[in-house]
Amino acid sequence: MKIPFLLLLISQLLLPVACSSINQSDCKRDMLTFGREHGAKGLIKLTDEIQKVCQNYEPHVDLEKYENGFNQGWAQYCTPLSGFENGRKGDLYKSFCPVDKEEIFREKYLIGKKIFEKNDLEIELEDKIKSLSSSGELDLAAKSELSKLKEVLINLKREIQRLEQNGRKPIHTSID
């Protein structure tokens, strides 16, 4: 009974690795573009995988072009704005950015992630307000609750706006 569960657990753990794999059709692609696409998505570099898969199928794959493209894409991905937008969309945190860019990337990602979470709360509050408002004649307690919910919603929208401004604020670094 324990062995099938263990096999299932192992297969689930290996699933993300399998999703990042390449196939033989990728060996025919322009490696500069292929690398740029991987880097721009914040994926890990697949140089070793490309070499293994393509060596028998397409032996003249230009791994240097892949690396150059990956580095170009990576430079696009590892920006504060990219971190912010990834968090704002609710993407999982993934960053293989260089150490000098990682801290600000993560900081902006976390700001974006707060916005993502607060947007969900905003929708929930709007639904509660709509439901309470449409329930007909309101007693004093319901009116008070409705008023409080509207105030919370206004404050939440202000907070989201403040986070948006902070997340999009350019980063200025000084050179000493």
C-alpha atoms as a PDB file:
ATOM      1  CA  MET A   1       0.000   0.000   0.000  1.00  0.00           C
ATOM      2  CA  LYS A   2       2.884   2.368   0.783  1.00  0.00           C
ATOM      3  CA  ILE A   3       4.721   1.766  -2.506  1.00  0.00           C
ATOM      4  CA  PRO A   4       1.958   3.047  -4.871  1.00  0.00           C
ATOM      5  CA  PHE A   5       1.575   6.152  -2.703  1.00  0.00           C
ATOM      6  CA  LEU A   6       5.334   6.701  -2.784  1.00  0.00           C
ATOM      7  CA  LEU A   7       5.390   6.301  -6.576  1.00  0.00           C
ATOM      8  CA  LEU A   8       2.527   8.778  -6.913  1.00  0.00           C
ATOM      9  CA  LEU A   9       4.321  11.260  -4.668  1.00  0.00           C
ATOM     10  CA  ILE A  10       7.568  10.934  -6.650  1.00  0.00           C
ATOM     11  CA  SER A  11       5.754  11.379  -9.960  1.00  0.00           C
ATOM     12  CA  GLN A  12       4.074  14.534  -8.634  1.00  0.00           C
ATOM     13  CA  LEU A  13       7.409  15.936  -7.516  1.00  0.00           C
ATOM     14  CA  LEU A  14       8.967  15.248 -10.907  1.00  0.00           C
ATOM     15  CA  LEU A  15       6.077  16.774 -12.867  1.00  0.00           C
ATOM     16  CA  PRO A  16       7.449  20.358 -12.823  1.00  0.00           C
ATOM     17  CA  VAL A  17      10.785  19.092 -14.138  1.00  0.00           C
ATOM     18  CA  ALA A  18       9.076  17.248 -16.952  1.00  0.00           C
ATOM     19  CA  CYS A  19       7.136  20.377 -17.911  1.00  0.00           C
ATOM     20  CA  SER A  20      10.355  22.292 -18.469  1.00  0.00           C
ATOM     21  CA  SER A  21      11.716  19.585 -20.789  1.00  0.00           C
ATOM     22  CA  ILE A  22      12.293  20.120 -24.436  1.00  0.00           C
ATOM     23  CA  ASN A  23      11.406  17.820 -27.290  1.00  0.00           C
ATOM     24  CA  GLN A  24      12.992  16.983 -30.638  1.00  0.00           C
ATOM     25  CA  SER A  25      11.015  19.643 -32.499  1.00  0.00           C
ATOM     26  CA  ASP A  26      12.691  22.258 -30.301  1.00  0.00           C
ATOM     27  CA  CYS A  27      16.043  21.162 -31.736  1.00  0.00           C
ATOM     28  CA  LYS A  28      15.060  22.695 -35.096  1.00  0.00           C
ATOM     29  CA  ARG A  29      14.188  26.076 -33.604  1.00  0.00           C
ATOM     30  CA  ASP A  30      16.342  29.163 -33.837  1.00  0.00           C
ATOM     31  CA  MET A  31      18.347  28.813 -30.628  1.00  0.00           C
ATOM     32  CA  LEU A  32      18.761  32.558 -30.077  1.00  0.00           C
ATOM     33  CA  THR A  33      14.978  33.028 -30.073  1.00  0.00           C
ATOM     34  CA  PHE A  34      14.417  29.853 -28.067  1.00  0.00           C
ATOM     35  CA  GLY A  35      16.871  30.974 -25.399  1.00  0.00           C
ATOM     36  CA  ARG A  36      15.437  34.492 -25.314  1.00  0.00           C
ATOM     37  CA  GLU A  37      11.946  33.071 -24.749  1.00  0.00           C
ATOM     38  CA  HIS A  38      13.127  30.925 -21.828  1.00  0.00           C
ATOM     39  CA  GLY A  39      15.022  33.753 -20.193  1.00  0.00           C
ATOM     40  CA  ALA A  40      12.171  36.254 -20.631  1.00  0.00           C
ATOM     41  CA  LYS A  41       9.781  33.848 -18.849  1.00  0.00           C
ATOM     42  CA  GLY A  42      12.125  33.429 -15.893  1.00  0.00           C
ATOM     43  CA  LEU A  43      12.666  29.753 -16.647  1.00  0.00           C
ATOM     44  CA  ILE A  44      15.847  27.896 -15.840  1.00  0.00           C
ATOM     45  CA  LYS A  45      18.515  27.528 -18.488  1.00  0.00           C
ATOM     46  CA  LEU A  46      18.146  24.256 -20.410  1.00  0.00           C
ATOM     47  CA  THR A  47      21.548  24.060 -22.105  1.00  0.00           C
ATOM     48  CA  ASP A  48      22.325  20.554 -20.808  1.00  0.00           C
ATOM     49  CA  GLU A  49      18.868  19.259 -21.730  1.00  0.00           C
ATOM     50  CA  ILE A  50      19.136  20.712 -25.236  1.00  0.00           C
ATOM     51  CA  GLN A  51      22.508  19.091 -25.698  1.00  0.00           C
ATOM     52  CA  LYS A  52      21.220  15.683 -24.534  1.00  0.00           C
ATOM     53  CA  VAL A  53      18.022  15.727 -26.573  1.00  0.00           C
ATOM     54  CA  CYS A  54      19.444  17.268 -29.721  1.00  0.00           C
ATOM     55  CA  GLN A  55      22.864  15.608 -30.035  1.00  0.00           C
ATOM     56  CA  ASN A  56      21.486  12.596 -31.954  1.00  0.00           C
ATOM     57  CA  TYR A  57      18.624  14.367 -33.661  1.00  0.00           C
ATOM     58  CA  GLU A  58      20.124  17.695 -34.678  1.00  0.00           C
ATOM     59  CA  PRO A  59      23.855  17.501 -33.871  1.00  0.00           C
ATOM     60  CA  HIS A  60      24.665  21.052 -34.995  1.00  0.00           C
ATOM     61  CA  VAL A  61      22.528  22.925 -32.464  1.00  0.00           C
ATOM     62  CA  ASP A  62      24.245  26.189 -31.557  1.00  0.00           C
ATOM     63  CA  LEU A  63      24.244  26.144 -27.760  1.00  0.00           C
ATOM     64  CA  GLU A  64      26.140  29.433 -27.652  1.00  0.00           C
ATOM     65  CA  LYS A  65      23.221  31.121 -29.439  1.00  0.00           C
ATOM     66  CA  TYR A  66      20.838  29.597 -26.917  1.00  0.00           C
ATOM     67  CA  GLU A  67      22.974  30.908 -24.045  1.00  0.00           C
ATOM     68  CA  ASN A  68      23.181  34.386 -25.609  1.00  0.00           C
ATOM     69  CA  GLY A  69      19.427  34.465 -26.183  1.00  0.00           C
ATOM     70  CA  PHE A  70      18.766  33.204 -22.673  1.00  0.00           C
ATOM     71  CA  ASN A  71      20.930  35.946 -21.196  1.00  0.00           C
ATOM     72  CA  GLN A  72      19.099  38.575 -23.265  1.00  0.00           C
ATOM     73  CA  GLY A  73      15.715  37.266 -22.122  1.00  0.00           C
ATOM     74  CA  TRP A  74      16.908  36.963 -18.567  1.00  0.00           C
ATOM     75  CA  ALA A  75      17.929  40.619 -18.594  1.00  0.00           C
ATOM     76  CA  GLN A  76      14.359  41.492 -19.655  1.00  0.00           C
ATOM     77  CA  TYR A  77      12.832  39.275 -16.981  1.00  0.00           C
ATOM     78  CA  CYS A  78      15.049  40.388 -14.098  1.00  0.00           C
ATOM     79  CA  THR A  79      13.687  43.910 -13.894  1.00  0.00           C
ATOM     80  CA  PRO A  80      11.763  45.490 -11.040  1.00  0.00           C
ATOM     81  CA  LEU A  81       8.733  46.046 -13.293  1.00  0.00           C
ATOM     82  CA  SER A  82       8.718  42.402 -14.351  1.00  0.00           C
ATOM     83  CA  GLY A  83       8.811  41.312 -10.705  1.00  0.00           C
ATOM     84  CA  PHE A  84       5.941  43.666  -9.920  1.00  0.00           C
ATOM     85  CA  GLU A  85       3.829  42.462 -12.865  1.00  0.00           C
ATOM     86  CA  ASN A  86       4.448  38.791 -12.025  1.00  0.00           C
ATOM     87  CA  GLY A  87       3.257  39.343  -8.464  1.00  0.00           C
ATOM     88  CA  ARG A  88       0.307  41.420  -9.627  1.00  0.00           C
ATOM     89  CA  LYS A  89      -0.861  38.583 -11.900  1.00  0.00           C
ATOM     90  CA  GLY A  90      -0.574  36.120  -9.023  1.00  0.00           C
ATOM     91  CA  ASP A  91       2.246  34.173 -10.649  1.00  0.00           C
ATOM     92  CA  LEU A  92       4.307  31.949  -8.406  1.00  0.00           C
ATOM     93  CA  TYR A  93       7.566  33.498  -7.313  1.00  0.00           C
ATOM     94  CA  LYS A  94      10.390  32.243  -9.475  1.00  0.00           C
ATOM     95  CA  SER A  95      13.566  34.100  -9.891  1.00  0.00           C
ATOM     96  CA  PHE A  96      16.959  32.972 -10.931  1.00  0.00           C
ATOM     97  CA  CYS A  97      18.078  36.572 -11.286  1.00  0.00           C
ATOM     98  CA  PRO A  98      21.631  37.654 -10.580  1.00  0.00           C
ATOM     99  CA  VAL A  99      22.270  38.550  -6.957  1.00  0.00           C
ATOM    100  CA  ASP A 100      22.501  42.276  -7.731  1.00  0.00           C
ATOM    101  CA  LYS A 101      18.969  42.235  -9.208  1.00  0.00           C
ATOM    102  CA  GLU A 102      17.287  39.618  -7.028  1.00  0.00           C
ATOM    103  CA  GLU A 103      16.531  41.791  -3.994  1.00  0.00           C
ATOM    104  CA  ILE A 104      14.683  44.540  -5.882  1.00  0.00           C
ATOM    105  CA  PHE A 105      12.965  41.979  -8.151  1.00  0.00           C
ATOM    106  CA  ARG A 106      11.624  40.184  -5.064  1.00  0.00           C
ATOM    107  CA  GLU A 107      10.659  43.430  -3.335  1.00  0.00           C
ATOM    108  CA  LYS A 108       8.591  44.549  -6.333  1.00  0.00           C
ATOM    109  CA  TYR A 109       7.144  41.041  -6.747  1.00  0.00           C
ATOM    110  CA  LEU A 110       5.874  41.147  -3.143  1.00  0.00           C
ATOM    111  CA  ILE A 111       4.227  44.524  -3.731  1.00  0.00           C
ATOM    112  CA  GLY A 112       2.491  43.108  -6.798  1.00  0.00           C
ATOM    113  CA  LYS A 113       1.456  40.003  -4.859  1.00  0.00           C
ATOM    114  CA  LYS A 114      -0.179  42.203  -2.189  1.00  0.00           C
ATOM    115  CA  ILE A 115      -2.189  43.918  -4.921  1.00  0.00           C
ATOM    116  CA  PHE A 116      -3.262  40.540  -6.295  1.00  0.00           C
ATOM    117  CA  GLU A 117      -4.483  39.466  -2.849  1.00  0.00           C
ATOM    118  CA  LYS A 118      -6.182  42.804  -2.143  1.00  0.00           C
ATOM    119  CA  ASN A 119      -7.986  42.650  -5.502  1.00  0.00           C
ATOM    120  CA  ASP A 120      -9.556  39.378  -4.372  1.00  0.00           C
ATOM    121  CA  LEU A 121     -10.620  41.026  -1.127  1.00  0.00           C
ATOM    122  CA  GLU A 122     -12.055  43.964  -3.083  1.00  0.00           C
ATOM    123  CA  ILE A 123     -14.227  41.626  -5.150  1.00  0.00           C
ATOM    124  CA  GLU A 124     -15.391  39.857  -1.991  1.00  0.00           C
ATOM    125  CA  LEU A 125     -16.337  43.159  -0.331  1.00  0.00           C
ATOM    126  CA  GLU A 126     -18.161  44.392  -3.430  1.00  0.00           C
ATOM    127  CA  ASP A 127     -20.149  41.150  -3.508  1.00  0.00           C
ATOM    128  CA  LYS A 128     -21.092  41.520   0.177  1.00  0.00           C
ATOM    129  CA  ILE A 129     -22.144  45.133  -0.368  1.00  0.00           C
ATOM    130  CA  LYS A 130     -24.200  44.196  -3.418  1.00  0.00           C
ATOM    131  CA  SER A 131     -25.851  41.318  -1.583  1.00  0.00           C
ATOM    132  CA  LEU A 132     -26.656  43.415   1.467  1.00  0.00           C
ATOM    133  CA  SER A 133     -27.914  46.330  -0.636  1.00  0.00           C
ATOM    134  CA  SER A 134     -30.237  44.138  -2.667  1.00  0.00           C
ATOM    135  CA  SER A 135     -31.802  42.429   0.334  1.00  0.00           C
ATOM    136  CA  GLY A 136     -34.609  44.992   0.523  1.00  0.00           C
ATOM    137  CA  GLU A 137     -35.470  47.130   3.522  1.00  0.00           C
ATOM    138  CA  LEU A 138     -32.483  47.316   5.863  1.00  0.00           C
ATOM    139  CA  ASP A 139     -32.733  47.572   9.619  1.00  0.00           C
ATOM    140  CA  LEU A 140     -30.396  49.804  11.587  1.00  0.00           C
ATOM    141  CA  ALA A 141     -27.788  47.048  12.141  1.00  0.00           C
ATOM    142  CA  ALA A 142     -27.710  46.150   8.435  1.00  0.00           C
ATOM    143  CA  LYS A 143     -27.387  49.828   7.475  1.00  0.00           C
ATOM    144  CA  SER A 144     -24.497  50.178   9.901  1.00  0.00           C
ATOM    145  CA  GLU A 145     -22.796  47.055   8.513  1.00  0.00           C
ATOM    146  CA  LEU A 146     -23.297  48.300   4.953  1.00  0.00           C
ATOM    147  CA  SER A 147     -21.775  51.652   5.863  1.00  0.00           C
ATOM    148  CA  LYS A 148     -18.753  49.956   7.477  1.00  0.00           C
ATOM    149  CA  LEU A 149     -18.246  47.681   4.476  1.00  0.00           C
ATOM    150  CA  LYS A 150     -18.319  50.665   2.119  1.00  0.00           C
ATOM    151  CA  GLU A 151     -15.746  52.469   4.269  1.00  0.00           C
ATOM    152  CA  VAL A 152     -13.494  49.396   4.303  1.00  0.00           C
ATOM    153  CA  LEU A 153     -13.842  49.143   0.522  1.00  0.00           C
ATOM    154  CA  ILE A 154     -12.856  52.799   0.043  1.00  0.00           C
ATOM    155  CA  ASN A 155      -9.791  52.316   2.252  1.00  0.00           C
ATOM    156  CA  LEU A 156      -8.893  49.113   0.443  1.00  0.00           C
ATOM    157  CA  LYS A 157      -9.071  50.858  -2.940  1.00  0.00           C
ATOM    158  CA  ARG A 158      -6.785  53.606  -1.603  1.00  0.00           C
ATOM    159  CA  GLU A 159      -4.335  50.993  -0.374  1.00  0.00           C
ATOM    160  CA  ILE A 160      -4.335  49.236  -3.763  1.00  0.00           C
ATOM    161  CA  GLN A 161      -3.718  52.566  -5.481  1.00  0.00           C
ATOM    162  CA  ARG A 162      -0.823  53.330  -3.112  1.00  0.00           C
ATOM    163  CA  LEU A 163       0.684  49.904  -3.743  1.00  0.00           C
ATOM    164  CA  GLU A 164       0.302  50.374  -7.514  1.00  0.00           C
ATOM    165  CA  GLN A 165       2.212  53.649  -7.330  1.00  0.00           C
ATOM    166  CA  ASN A 166       4.899  52.124  -5.150  1.00  0.00           C
ATOM    167  CA  GLY A 167       5.223  49.071  -7.371  1.00  0.00           C
ATOM    168  CA  ARG A 168       5.608  51.131 -10.537  1.00  0.00           C
ATOM    169  CA  LYS A 169       7.930  53.686  -8.966  1.00  0.00           C
ATOM    170  CA  PRO A 170      11.296  53.627 -10.739  1.00  0.00           C
ATOM    171  CA  ILE A 171      14.283  52.473  -8.777  1.00  0.00           C
ATOM    172  CA  HIS A 172      17.144  54.923  -8.553  1.00  0.00           C
ATOM    173  CA  THR A 173      20.495  53.582  -7.522  1.00  0.00           C
ATOM    174  CA  SER A 174      23.426  55.708  -6.626  1.00  0.00           C
ATOM    175  CA  ILE A 175      26.943  54.824  -7.604  1.00  0.00           C
ATOM    176  CA  ASP A 176      29.450  55.551  -4.876  1.00  0.00           C
END
